[in-house]
Amino acid sequence: MKAAELKSFLDEKVIQYNTQDFIDSDPVQIPHLFSQKEDVEIAGFLAATIAWGNRKMIIKNAHRMMELMGNSPYDFILSHQEKDLKDLESFVHRTFNGQDFIVFIKGLQHIYQKHNGLEAVFAQNQEAFSMQKSIHEFKKLFFDFPHATRTQKHISDPLNNSAAKRINMYLRWMVRQDTKGVDLGIWKSISPAALSCPLDVHSGNVARKLGLLHRKQNDAKALAELDTQLRILDPNDPVKYDFALFGLGVFEGF
């Protein structure tokens, strides 16, 4: 497939899958439950954190996370008491358990009380065409308090050669601004041009079949290769092609 044909094909798939219908079966529905900026970004961050495995179970457990915080995540982050945290101990999603959840609550409180919130932290280290250093610095700040080190595995570090799929997906949700209503676009201080594709098994396999990716592992090096190709297709909004790659893989078995 020639470059012009490939772009046309993928642009059509973006239009096909970047619609309101996409929300019904995707964890992005969790931040859509809220209207206050801080509620949206916290709900999105927690939902993205557990976004691996069966999608129905991800959504079910993300809803439970919100319920355990009284469906007021920002207020819970700022004003919870120790007894409130006890209620979180029963939570489990795969290897993310109640103790991890509690550490994440404390990490978020640290980010909002000491570092002006999630957007401010991610924005301060962004580079022209990359959020990888920003993600790395965010992880350091997020865990900058006493905690169980096992919980650190639940935030990937792209500077340790991780594709950081879930964090990149979260940034897509928060930053991309279009008229389709899937991505929320509430962060104005980060450029969509800096975003990276949430690389996973589905998007990786489709990208290889289309000749956009040749590296076999889904790691940071593969992500850099894929990002380079997607920025050729659309330098201003390369991560929109996540809809095409994901849709082709999950819904069409491409």
Protein backbone atom coordinates (compact mmCIF):
# COMPACT_ATOMS: atom_id res chain seq x y z
CA MET A 1 0.00 0.00 0.00
CA LYS A 2 1.46 3.36 -1.04
CA ALA A 3 1.88 6.13 1.51
CA ALA A 4 -1.07 8.19 0.20
CA GLU A 5 -3.29 5.11 0.10
CA LEU A 6 -2.28 4.12 3.64
CA LYS A 7 -3.04 7.57 4.99
CA SER A 8 -6.43 7.60 3.26
CA PHE A 9 -7.25 4.13 4.59
CA LEU A 10 -6.27 4.99 8.17
CA ASP A 11 -8.04 8.36 8.06
CA GLU A 12 -11.24 6.54 7.08
CA LYS A 13 -10.80 4.13 10.01
CA VAL A 14 -10.28 7.02 12.43
CA ILE A 15 -13.59 8.49 11.26
CA GLN A 16 -15.24 5.06 11.62
CA TYR A 17 -14.11 4.39 15.20
CA ASN A 18 -13.67 7.86 16.74
CA THR A 19 -17.39 8.18 17.51
CA GLN A 20 -19.61 8.28 20.59
CA ASP A 21 -20.32 4.56 20.13
CA PHE A 22 -16.69 3.84 21.00
CA ILE A 23 -17.27 5.07 24.57
CA ASP A 24 -19.80 2.36 25.42
CA SER A 25 -17.22 -0.44 25.36
CA ASP A 26 -14.12 1.46 26.45
CA PRO A 27 -12.70 2.57 29.85
CA VAL A 28 -12.79 6.17 28.59
CA GLN A 29 -16.42 6.09 29.74
CA ILE A 30 -15.22 6.44 33.37
CA PRO A 31 -13.90 10.02 33.17
CA HIS A 32 -16.96 10.88 31.06
CA LEU A 33 -19.05 10.32 34.21
CA PHE A 34 -17.81 13.61 35.67
CA SER A 35 -17.85 17.31 34.80
CA GLN A 36 -15.41 18.92 37.26
CA LYS A 37 -11.88 18.99 35.77
CA GLU A 38 -10.20 17.37 38.76
CA ASP A 39 -12.80 14.60 38.96
CA VAL A 40 -12.39 13.89 35.25
CA GLU A 41 -8.60 13.68 35.33
CA ILE A 42 -8.44 11.59 38.52
CA ALA A 43 -11.13 9.19 37.31
CA GLY A 44 -9.32 8.87 34.00
CA PHE A 45 -5.97 8.26 35.65
CA LEU A 46 -7.30 5.49 37.89
CA ALA A 47 -9.29 3.84 35.08
CA ALA A 48 -6.26 3.91 32.78
CA THR A 49 -4.08 2.45 35.54
CA ILE A 50 -6.12 -0.78 35.60
CA ALA A 51 -6.73 -0.89 31.84
CA TRP A 52 -5.30 -4.28 31.03
CA GLY A 53 -7.10 -7.57 30.58
CA ASN A 54 -10.77 -8.09 29.81
CA ARG A 55 -12.36 -4.76 28.87
CA LYS A 56 -15.69 -5.52 30.58
CA MET A 57 -13.85 -6.35 33.81
CA ILE A 58 -11.73 -3.20 33.50
CA ILE A 59 -14.87 -1.07 33.22
CA LYS A 60 -16.64 -2.92 36.04
CA ASN A 61 -13.70 -2.50 38.41
CA ALA A 62 -13.13 1.12 37.42
CA HIS A 63 -16.77 1.84 38.32
CA ARG A 64 -16.14 0.14 41.67
CA MET A 65 -13.14 2.39 42.23
CA MET A 66 -15.39 5.42 41.78
CA GLU A 67 -18.03 3.97 44.12
CA LEU A 68 -15.43 3.33 46.83
CA MET A 69 -14.57 7.04 46.64
CA GLY A 70 -18.22 8.07 46.95
CA ASN A 71 -18.27 8.99 43.24
CA SER A 72 -16.40 12.17 44.22
CA PRO A 73 -12.79 11.29 43.48
CA TYR A 74 -11.25 14.76 43.91
CA ASP A 75 -12.98 15.37 47.22
CA PHE A 76 -11.95 11.90 48.39
CA ILE A 77 -8.32 12.50 47.39
CA LEU A 78 -8.15 15.74 49.38
CA SER A 79 -10.27 15.00 52.42
CA HIS A 80 -10.28 11.24 53.10
CA GLN A 81 -9.59 9.92 56.58
CA GLU A 82 -7.62 6.79 57.45
CA LYS A 83 -10.87 4.92 58.13
CA ASP A 84 -12.01 5.73 54.58
CA LEU A 85 -8.91 4.04 53.21
CA LYS A 86 -9.83 0.82 55.05
CA ASP A 87 -12.78 0.45 52.69
CA LEU A 88 -10.37 0.28 49.74
CA GLU A 89 -8.51 -2.76 51.04
CA SER A 90 -10.94 -5.21 49.45
CA PHE A 91 -10.38 -3.84 45.95
CA VAL A 92 -8.59 -6.03 43.41
CA HIS A 93 -8.05 -5.93 39.66
CA ARG A 94 -5.60 -8.58 38.52
CA THR A 95 -2.33 -7.66 40.29
CA PHE A 96 -3.57 -4.21 41.38
CA ASN A 97 -4.90 -4.70 44.90
CA GLY A 98 -6.34 -2.64 47.72
CA GLN A 99 -2.94 -1.68 49.11
CA ASP A 100 -1.92 -0.42 45.67
CA PHE A 101 -5.16 1.57 45.50
CA ILE A 102 -4.37 3.21 48.84
CA VAL A 103 -0.86 4.13 47.68
CA PHE A 104 -2.36 5.67 44.54
CA ILE A 105 -4.78 7.74 46.64
CA LYS A 106 -1.87 9.05 48.69
CA GLY A 107 0.18 9.66 45.55
CA LEU A 108 -2.63 11.68 44.01
CA GLN A 109 -3.05 13.66 47.22
CA HIS A 110 0.68 14.42 47.11
CA ILE A 111 0.39 15.59 43.48
CA TYR A 112 -2.55 17.92 44.21
CA GLN A 113 -1.32 19.30 47.52
CA LYS A 114 2.36 19.74 46.62
CA HIS A 115 2.56 20.00 42.82
CA ASN A 116 -0.60 21.79 41.59
CA GLY A 117 -2.32 18.73 40.14
CA LEU A 118 -1.92 16.19 37.37
CA GLU A 119 -1.92 18.54 34.39
CA ALA A 120 0.75 20.78 35.90
CA VAL A 121 3.07 17.84 36.58
CA PHE A 122 2.74 16.32 33.10
CA ALA A 123 3.02 19.71 31.38
CA GLN A 124 6.20 20.91 33.05
CA ASN A 125 8.49 18.33 31.43
CA GLN A 126 6.91 17.97 27.99
CA GLU A 127 9.18 18.13 24.98
CA ALA A 128 8.33 19.22 21.44
CA PHE A 129 7.50 15.76 20.12
CA SER A 130 7.59 13.55 23.18
CA MET A 131 5.98 13.04 26.57
CA GLN A 132 8.39 10.27 27.56
CA LYS A 133 10.56 12.38 29.88
CA SER A 134 7.39 13.90 31.32
CA ILE A 135 6.02 10.44 32.18
CA HIS A 136 9.35 9.50 33.77
CA GLU A 137 9.40 12.64 35.94
CA PHE A 138 5.72 12.18 36.83
CA LYS A 139 6.41 8.71 38.18
CA LYS A 140 9.22 10.01 40.39
CA LEU A 141 7.00 12.75 41.85
CA PHE A 142 4.00 10.45 42.24
CA PHE A 143 5.91 8.05 44.48
CA ASP A 144 7.87 10.72 46.37
CA PHE A 145 6.61 9.65 49.80
CA PRO A 146 6.93 6.46 51.92
CA HIS A 147 5.13 3.56 50.21
CA ALA A 148 5.36 -0.12 49.35
CA THR A 149 7.76 -0.38 46.42
CA ARG A 150 5.67 -3.14 44.79
CA THR A 151 3.12 -0.51 43.77
CA GLN A 152 5.61 1.27 41.51
CA LYS A 153 5.16 -1.41 38.85
CA HIS A 154 1.68 -0.04 38.13
CA ILE A 155 3.12 3.09 36.49
CA SER A 156 5.39 2.33 33.55
CA ASP A 157 8.58 4.26 32.84
CA PRO A 158 9.35 4.82 29.14
CA LEU A 159 12.96 5.67 30.00
CA ASN A 160 13.24 2.05 31.19
CA ASN A 161 12.19 0.91 27.70
CA SER A 162 8.48 0.49 28.46
CA ALA A 163 5.92 1.44 25.81
CA ALA A 164 3.87 2.88 28.73
CA LYS A 165 0.64 2.03 26.95
CA ARG A 166 -1.76 2.97 29.75
CA ILE A 167 -0.18 6.35 30.55
CA ASN A 168 -0.06 7.24 26.85
CA MET A 169 -3.72 6.28 26.53
CA TYR A 170 -4.53 8.46 29.54
CA LEU A 171 -2.70 11.42 28.00
CA ARG A 172 -4.67 10.91 24.79
CA TRP A 173 -7.91 11.12 26.77
CA MET A 174 -6.89 14.30 28.58
CA VAL A 175 -5.15 16.20 25.76
CA ARG A 176 -6.76 15.42 22.39
CA GLN A 177 -9.37 18.00 21.41
CA ASP A 178 -11.68 17.21 18.52
CA THR A 179 -15.40 17.38 17.91
CA LYS A 180 -16.08 13.65 18.22
CA GLY A 181 -16.58 13.50 21.97
CA VAL A 182 -14.46 10.44 22.82
CA ASP A 183 -11.27 12.07 24.08
CA LEU A 184 -12.03 14.73 26.67
CA GLY A 185 -9.40 17.35 25.74
CA ILE A 186 -9.51 19.17 29.08
CA TRP A 187 -5.75 19.79 29.29
CA LYS A 188 -4.82 22.87 27.28
CA SER A 189 -1.14 23.14 28.29
CA ILE A 190 0.05 20.04 26.40
CA SER A 191 0.22 19.79 22.61
CA PRO A 192 -1.45 16.82 20.89
CA ALA A 193 1.63 16.76 18.64
CA ALA A 194 3.68 15.50 21.62
CA LEU A 195 1.46 12.49 22.31
CA SER A 196 2.42 8.88 21.63
CA CYS A 197 0.24 6.01 20.47
CA PRO A 198 -0.90 3.62 23.23
CA LEU A 199 1.04 0.64 21.87
CA ASP A 200 -0.34 -2.77 22.80
CA VAL A 201 -0.74 -6.21 21.23
CA HIS A 202 -3.63 -5.12 18.98
CA SER A 203 -2.24 -1.83 17.71
CA GLY A 204 1.24 -3.33 17.40
CA ASN A 205 0.10 -6.27 15.29
CA VAL A 206 -1.93 -4.05 12.96
CA ALA A 207 0.93 -1.56 12.65
CA ARG A 208 3.29 -4.36 11.60
CA LYS A 209 0.87 -5.68 9.01
CA LEU A 210 0.57 -2.18 7.56
CA GLY A 211 4.34 -1.67 7.48
CA LEU A 212 4.29 1.10 10.09
CA LEU A 213 6.31 -0.94 12.58
CA HIS A 214 9.04 -3.53 12.15
CA ARG A 215 10.39 -4.08 15.66
CA LYS A 216 8.91 -7.27 17.15
CA GLN A 217 8.74 -6.24 20.80
CA ASN A 218 6.14 -3.73 22.02
CA ASP A 219 8.61 -1.58 23.92
CA ALA A 220 9.80 2.04 23.97
CA LYS A 221 11.95 1.53 20.88
CA ALA A 222 8.97 0.16 18.97
CA LEU A 223 6.86 3.09 20.17
CA ALA A 224 9.46 5.57 18.89
CA GLU A 225 9.43 3.82 15.51
CA LEU A 226 5.63 3.86 15.31
CA ASP A 227 5.41 7.47 16.49
CA THR A 228 7.79 8.54 13.72
CA GLN A 229 5.54 6.98 11.10
CA LEU A 230 2.32 8.35 12.56
CA ARG A 231 3.79 11.87 12.72
CA ILE A 232 4.47 11.66 9.01
CA LEU A 233 0.76 10.91 8.48
CA ASP A 234 -0.37 13.77 10.77
CA PRO A 235 2.27 15.80 12.62
CA ASN A 236 -0.32 17.79 14.57
CA ASP A 237 -2.43 14.90 15.83
CA PRO A 238 -0.55 11.62 15.32
CA VAL A 239 -2.23 9.74 18.13
CA LYS A 240 -5.64 9.92 16.45
CA TYR A 241 -4.50 6.86 14.52
CA ASP A 242 -4.80 4.85 17.73
CA PHE A 243 -8.52 4.64 16.89
CA ALA A 244 -7.70 3.11 13.50
CA LEU A 245 -5.08 0.65 14.74
CA PHE A 246 -7.09 -0.42 17.77
CA GLY A 247 -10.36 -0.66 15.84
CA LEU A 248 -8.81 -2.72 13.07
CA GLY A 249 -7.26 -5.08 15.61
CA VAL A 250 -10.06 -5.48 18.14
CA PHE A 251 -13.21 -5.04 16.10
CA GLU A 252 -12.09 -6.32 12.69
CA GLY A 253 -9.40 -8.86 13.56
CA PHE A 254 -7.22 -7.28 10.89
